[in-house]
Protein backbone atom coordinates (compact mmCIF):
# COMPACT_ATOMS: atom_id res chain seq x y z
CA MET A 1 55.70 35.34 -151.12
CA THR A 2 55.30 33.02 -154.02
CA MET A 3 52.15 31.75 -155.73
CA LYS A 4 51.61 28.15 -156.42
CA THR A 5 49.02 26.92 -158.82
CA GLY A 6 47.89 23.08 -158.89
CA SER A 7 47.07 22.24 -155.29
CA ASN A 8 46.27 25.74 -154.34
CA VAL A 9 43.68 26.09 -157.09
CA ILE A 10 42.06 22.90 -155.89
CA ALA A 11 42.11 24.22 -152.26
CA LEU A 12 40.49 27.44 -153.45
CA GLY A 13 37.67 25.47 -155.09
CA MET A 14 37.24 23.26 -152.00
CA ALA A 15 37.05 26.47 -149.87
CA GLY A 16 34.33 27.82 -152.28
CA LEU A 17 32.41 24.65 -151.88
CA SER A 18 32.55 24.61 -148.08
CA GLY A 19 31.58 28.31 -148.07
CA LYS A 20 28.47 27.33 -150.05
CA ILE A 21 27.84 24.56 -147.41
CA ALA A 22 28.31 27.08 -144.55
CA ASN A 23 25.98 29.59 -146.24
CA THR A 24 23.16 26.89 -146.74
CA LEU A 25 23.31 25.55 -143.10
CA ALA A 26 23.25 29.11 -141.72
CA TYR A 27 19.75 29.53 -142.93
CA ILE A 28 18.62 26.93 -140.43
CA GLY A 29 20.76 28.17 -137.74
CA ILE A 30 23.79 25.97 -138.02
CA ASP A 31 27.09 27.43 -138.02
CA ILE A 32 30.21 25.35 -139.25
CA ALA A 33 33.77 26.26 -138.97
CA ASN A 34 34.45 27.68 -142.38
CA VAL A 35 37.14 30.32 -142.50
CA ASP A 36 35.43 32.56 -145.12
CA GLN A 37 32.08 32.52 -143.30
CA ARG A 38 33.31 32.73 -139.74
CA HIS A 39 31.98 35.46 -137.49
CA THR A 40 34.10 38.71 -137.60
CA PRO A 41 32.82 40.83 -134.58
CA ALA A 42 33.67 44.51 -134.31
CA ASN A 43 36.66 45.43 -132.40
CA VAL A 44 36.71 47.99 -129.59
CA ARG A 45 40.01 49.60 -130.62
CA GLY A 46 40.51 52.14 -127.89
CA GLU A 47 43.86 53.68 -128.18
CA ASN A 48 45.56 50.83 -130.03
CA LYS A 49 45.21 51.93 -133.60
CA LEU A 50 46.99 48.68 -134.77
CA LYS A 51 43.78 46.70 -134.09
CA TYR A 52 41.51 46.46 -137.09
CA TYR A 53 37.89 47.46 -137.10
CA LEU A 54 36.84 43.81 -137.23
CA ASP A 55 38.36 40.77 -135.58
CA GLU A 56 39.86 39.02 -138.49
CA SER A 57 42.02 36.42 -136.50
CA ALA A 58 40.05 33.47 -137.83
CA LYS A 59 41.28 34.36 -141.31
CA ALA A 60 44.99 34.25 -140.39
CA LYS A 61 45.28 30.81 -141.73
CA LEU A 62 43.76 31.67 -145.09
CA ALA A 63 47.17 32.15 -146.88
CA GLU A 64 48.05 28.61 -146.14
CA THR A 65 45.16 27.24 -148.29
CA ALA A 66 44.84 29.83 -151.05
CA PRO A 67 46.89 31.25 -153.81
CA VAL A 68 47.91 35.02 -153.40
CA VAL A 69 44.72 36.75 -154.04
CA PRO A 70 45.19 40.38 -152.75
CA VAL A 71 41.96 40.49 -150.85
CA SER A 72 42.60 37.23 -149.16
CA LEU A 73 46.21 38.03 -148.42
CA ALA A 74 44.87 41.22 -146.73
CA PHE A 75 42.42 39.36 -144.59
CA SER A 76 45.13 37.08 -143.59
CA ALA A 77 47.51 39.90 -142.69
CA LEU A 78 45.04 41.54 -140.56
CA GLY A 79 44.18 38.21 -138.92
CA PHE A 80 47.89 37.57 -138.08
CA LEU A 81 48.28 41.15 -136.70
CA GLU A 82 45.29 40.59 -134.44
CA ARG A 83 46.82 37.38 -133.28
CA PHE A 84 50.24 39.19 -132.63
CA ILE A 85 48.50 41.93 -130.54
CA ARG A 86 46.84 39.38 -128.41
CA GLU A 87 49.62 36.82 -128.05
CA ASP A 88 52.96 38.73 -128.84
CA VAL A 89 54.12 35.71 -130.83
CA GLY A 90 56.88 36.70 -133.20
CA ILE A 91 55.74 34.29 -135.90
CA HIS A 92 52.52 36.24 -136.27
CA LYS A 93 54.23 39.57 -136.58
CA GLU A 94 56.52 37.95 -139.23
CA ALA A 95 53.52 36.71 -141.26
CA PHE A 96 51.80 40.05 -141.08
CA LEU A 97 55.00 42.03 -142.24
CA SER A 98 55.66 39.29 -145.04
CA ALA A 99 52.16 40.11 -146.38
CA SER A 100 52.76 43.86 -146.01
CA GLN A 101 55.92 43.58 -148.02
CA TRP A 102 54.03 41.78 -150.73
CA PHE A 103 51.71 44.81 -151.18
CA VAL A 104 54.72 47.02 -151.48
CA ALA A 105 56.42 44.94 -154.05
CA ASN A 106 53.33 44.09 -156.16
CA GLN A 107 51.52 47.63 -156.48
CA ASN A 108 51.45 48.74 -160.11
CA LEU A 109 52.31 52.12 -161.31
CA ASP A 110 48.70 53.32 -160.83
CA GLY A 111 48.66 52.33 -157.22
CA VAL A 112 46.36 49.20 -157.91
CA TRP A 113 46.47 45.63 -156.83
CA PHE A 114 44.63 43.91 -159.67
CA ASN A 115 42.07 41.07 -158.92
CA HIS A 116 42.36 38.05 -161.26
CA LEU A 117 39.26 36.26 -160.75
CA ASP A 118 36.27 36.92 -162.99
CA LYS A 119 33.03 37.98 -161.40
CA SER A 120 30.65 37.65 -164.27
CA LYS A 121 27.50 38.08 -162.14
CA PHE A 122 28.61 41.49 -161.38
CA GLY A 123 29.79 42.31 -165.03
CA VAL A 124 33.54 42.38 -164.45
CA LYS A 125 36.22 40.43 -166.07
CA SER A 126 39.86 39.74 -164.83
CA PRO A 127 41.85 41.83 -164.26
CA PHE A 128 39.95 44.57 -162.38
CA VAL A 129 40.53 46.92 -159.67
CA SER A 130 38.26 46.86 -156.60
CA ALA A 131 37.58 49.50 -153.84
CA MET A 132 37.53 46.73 -151.39
CA THR A 133 40.99 45.39 -152.14
CA GLN A 134 42.38 48.82 -152.17
CA GLY A 135 40.93 49.72 -148.82
CA LEU A 136 41.99 46.39 -147.12
CA ALA A 137 45.44 46.83 -148.58
CA ILE A 138 45.62 50.46 -147.23
CA SER A 139 44.62 49.16 -143.75
CA VAL A 140 47.45 46.59 -143.85
CA LEU A 141 49.97 49.05 -145.11
CA VAL A 142 49.12 51.81 -142.41
CA ARG A 143 49.51 49.36 -139.75
CA ALA A 144 52.77 48.00 -141.11
CA SER A 145 54.00 51.66 -140.98
CA GLY A 146 52.81 52.08 -137.47
CA LEU A 147 54.31 48.76 -136.30
CA THR A 148 57.80 49.37 -138.02
CA GLY A 149 58.06 53.10 -138.50
CA GLU A 150 59.01 52.55 -142.01
CA GLN A 151 57.95 55.27 -144.57
CA LYS A 152 57.61 52.94 -147.53
CA PHE A 153 54.42 51.32 -146.26
CA LEU A 154 52.81 54.65 -145.93
CA ASP A 155 54.00 55.81 -149.16
CA THR A 156 52.56 52.67 -150.83
CA ALA A 157 49.26 53.21 -149.06
CA ARG A 158 48.95 56.84 -150.30
CA ALA A 159 49.63 55.79 -153.80
CA ALA A 160 46.65 53.44 -153.53
CA LEU A 161 44.27 56.33 -153.37
CA GLY A 162 44.35 56.80 -157.27
CA PRO A 163 41.40 54.53 -158.09
CA PHE A 164 39.19 56.32 -155.47
CA LYS A 165 39.74 59.66 -157.13
CA LYS A 166 38.54 58.23 -160.50
CA SER A 167 35.13 57.16 -161.79
CA VAL A 168 34.51 53.75 -163.05
CA GLU A 169 34.53 55.12 -166.56
CA GLU A 170 37.95 56.45 -166.04
CA GLY A 171 39.34 53.14 -164.69
CA GLY A 172 38.74 53.83 -161.07
CA VAL A 173 36.19 52.56 -158.47
CA ALA A 174 33.87 55.66 -157.79
CA THR A 175 30.31 55.86 -158.95
CA ARG A 176 28.94 59.38 -158.61
CA SER A 177 25.35 60.36 -158.26
CA GLY A 178 24.83 63.89 -157.47
CA SER A 179 26.81 64.66 -154.45
CA ASP A 180 27.05 61.04 -153.55
CA VAL A 181 30.15 58.88 -154.25
CA PHE A 182 29.84 55.13 -153.91
CA LEU A 183 33.12 53.01 -153.99
CA GLU A 184 32.58 49.80 -156.08
CA GLU A 185 33.73 46.46 -155.00
CA TYR A 186 33.04 45.36 -158.53
CA PRO A 187 33.34 48.28 -160.86
CA SER A 188 31.26 47.88 -163.99
CA PRO A 189 29.21 49.97 -166.48
CA ARG A 190 26.06 49.02 -164.73
CA PRO A 191 26.94 49.61 -161.11
CA HIS A 192 26.05 47.02 -158.44
CA HIS A 193 26.73 48.85 -155.28
CA VAL A 194 28.11 46.04 -152.92
CA LEU A 195 27.69 47.21 -149.37
CA ASN A 196 30.31 45.24 -147.59
CA GLY A 197 32.97 46.10 -150.11
CA PHE A 198 32.08 49.81 -149.81
CA ILE A 199 32.59 49.78 -146.06
CA TYR A 200 35.86 47.91 -146.22
CA ALA A 201 37.11 50.60 -148.61
CA LEU A 202 35.94 53.19 -146.07
CA PHE A 203 37.85 51.59 -143.28
CA GLY A 204 41.01 51.87 -145.32
CA LEU A 205 40.38 55.52 -146.20
CA LEU A 206 39.83 56.29 -142.51
CA ASP A 207 43.07 54.60 -141.57
CA LEU A 208 44.92 56.81 -143.95
CA ALA A 209 43.02 59.85 -142.96
CA GLU A 210 44.14 59.20 -139.30
CA SER A 211 47.63 59.15 -140.45
CA GLY A 212 47.32 62.75 -141.39
CA ASP A 213 46.39 62.42 -145.15
CA SER A 214 43.95 65.18 -146.05
CA GLU A 215 42.85 63.56 -149.34
CA ALA A 216 42.04 60.31 -147.58
CA ARG A 217 40.11 62.38 -145.15
CA GLU A 218 38.19 64.04 -147.83
CA LEU A 219 37.40 60.74 -149.66
CA PHE A 220 36.33 59.11 -146.29
CA GLU A 221 33.84 61.93 -145.27
CA SER A 222 32.28 62.03 -148.74
CA GLY A 223 31.88 58.24 -148.50
CA ARG A 224 30.59 58.14 -144.96
CA GLU A 225 27.96 60.74 -145.94
CA THR A 226 26.91 58.74 -148.88
CA LEU A 227 26.57 55.53 -146.53
CA ASP A 228 24.28 57.41 -144.31
CA ARG A 229 22.04 58.61 -147.22
CA TRP A 230 22.09 55.07 -148.92
CA LEU A 231 21.59 52.68 -146.04
CA PRO A 232 17.82 52.79 -146.35
CA ARG A 233 18.23 51.53 -149.99
CA PHE A 234 19.85 48.24 -148.50
CA ASP A 235 16.93 47.68 -146.15
CA ILE A 236 14.02 45.39 -147.44
CA GLY A 237 11.94 45.63 -144.21
CA TYR A 238 13.09 42.20 -142.80
CA TRP A 239 16.81 41.89 -143.96
CA SER A 240 19.59 43.69 -145.64
CA LEU A 241 20.59 43.48 -149.37
CA TYR A 242 23.97 42.33 -150.46
CA HIS A 243 24.11 45.03 -153.30
CA ILE A 244 21.55 47.37 -155.04
CA GLY A 245 21.53 47.70 -158.76
CA PRO A 246 19.81 46.51 -161.88
CA GLY A 247 17.59 43.64 -161.92
CA MET A 248 16.13 41.62 -159.14
CA LYS A 249 16.85 42.02 -155.38
CA ASN A 250 19.71 40.14 -153.83
CA PRO A 251 19.30 39.58 -150.19
CA ALA A 252 22.53 38.98 -148.30
CA THR A 253 23.41 35.58 -147.09
CA VAL A 254 23.21 35.04 -143.44
CA HIS A 255 27.02 35.55 -143.17
CA TYR A 256 26.94 38.77 -145.05
CA HIS A 257 23.97 40.17 -143.09
CA ARG A 258 25.79 39.55 -139.90
CA LEU A 259 28.89 41.03 -141.36
CA HIS A 260 26.94 44.09 -142.28
CA ILE A 261 25.75 44.39 -138.62
CA GLU A 262 29.40 44.24 -137.41
CA GLN A 263 30.73 46.65 -140.08
CA LEU A 264 28.03 49.32 -139.10
CA SER A 265 28.94 48.78 -135.39
CA ALA A 266 32.54 49.59 -136.23
CA ILE A 267 31.62 52.62 -138.48
CA GLN A 268 29.28 53.88 -135.79
CA MET A 269 31.95 53.68 -133.08
CA CYS A 270 34.31 55.72 -135.32
CA SER A 271 31.68 58.30 -136.73
CA GLY A 272 28.98 58.57 -134.00
CA SER A 273 26.40 58.43 -136.95
CA ASP A 274 22.80 58.17 -135.58
CA THR A 275 21.68 56.74 -139.05
CA VAL A 276 24.26 54.02 -138.82
CA LEU A 277 23.39 53.21 -135.28
CA GLU A 278 19.64 52.88 -135.99
CA THR A 279 20.23 50.79 -139.00
CA ARG A 280 22.68 48.52 -137.11
CA ASN A 281 20.00 48.03 -134.41
CA ARG A 282 17.35 47.38 -136.78
CA TRP A 283 19.31 44.80 -138.78
CA ARG A 284 20.46 43.13 -135.63
CA ASP A 285 16.63 42.79 -134.67
CA TYR A 286 16.05 41.29 -138.18
CA TYR A 287 18.79 38.66 -137.65
CA ASN A 288 17.39 37.70 -134.27
CA ARG A 289 14.29 36.52 -135.84
CA SER A 290 14.69 33.21 -137.35
CA PHE A 291 11.80 33.53 -139.76
CA ASN A 292 13.45 36.43 -141.58
CA ARG A 293 16.41 34.47 -142.66
CA MET A 294 13.98 31.85 -144.13
CA ARG A 295 12.20 34.72 -146.01
CA THR A 296 15.38 35.43 -147.86
CA ILE A 297 15.88 31.89 -149.32
CA LEU A 298 13.60 32.10 -152.46
CA PRO A 299 14.64 35.51 -153.60
CA LYS A 300 18.27 34.53 -153.02
CA ILE A 301 17.73 31.39 -155.22
CA GLY A 302 15.99 33.33 -157.84
CA TRP A 303 18.89 35.93 -157.95
CA SER A 304 21.43 33.13 -158.05
CA LEU A 305 19.77 31.23 -160.87
CA PHE A 306 18.38 33.86 -163.02
CA TYR A 307 20.37 37.14 -162.78
CA ARG A 308 23.05 37.94 -165.35
CA ALA A 309 24.81 41.28 -165.15
CA GLY A 310 24.69 41.65 -168.99
CA ASN A 311 21.00 40.73 -169.07
CA PRO A 312 19.22 41.11 -165.80
CA ARG A 313 15.80 39.51 -165.93
């Protein structure tokens, strides 16, 4: 899989613009067909472990309009796999396996796929390792192993555990607080604890744990227990926060609040956690009250305009 620049960079910029438009319209109850912001409902997986925890089929086209950004490629791969499971169309299987091969070929010696886009709002500069990227890639690779029986995919997934075992200060993605371990989408000296990225990381760890990896099982259980204890911190009484950290509160956009609900639905189906179930139900109730989304607009604008990771105001 090759990476183009020129037109793909323009496409990525346009995708970002359409995402902002989609976010804005969602506050007044209008959903538009933007790939990044499309609804991804929780999957009822049953016995089919090839199915991902969320239905990412709408993102199967993402690779056609964006350069090879690992997190985008992983979503695209999971989307193609979902389509293959539903439709049994060979081209979808080929697209999924092509992306899986990319992760095998492009993992560095530390088990990392670096992100090459700065996230200055969260205090990280390119290149950086992300728990979300690592978790999504593991989910892709475990499924590639299950689909083909090839050991190389599972070996690559296991090598990706390295950053989960290291603190942010050591070049990893783990922030430790007492017995709690939060896995950071954007590792920085002043942690921001992004919720959706943490849960995507947990999905990857669970996939690897279910393949029989004891290290992944231990990491997943530690993270799941942290999630139970930390969920109340992401609740502001009428909505969920995108992250918790230094500076002013940052309410989730409508898209991310809805994603939180679906992620918690999937985690609850896997873990049976009462805390997760109660939080999911409460956040779904928040979502169904249109006034609540309007209440998030001013604090969201304030965070977007005035927060800086290096100098929160």
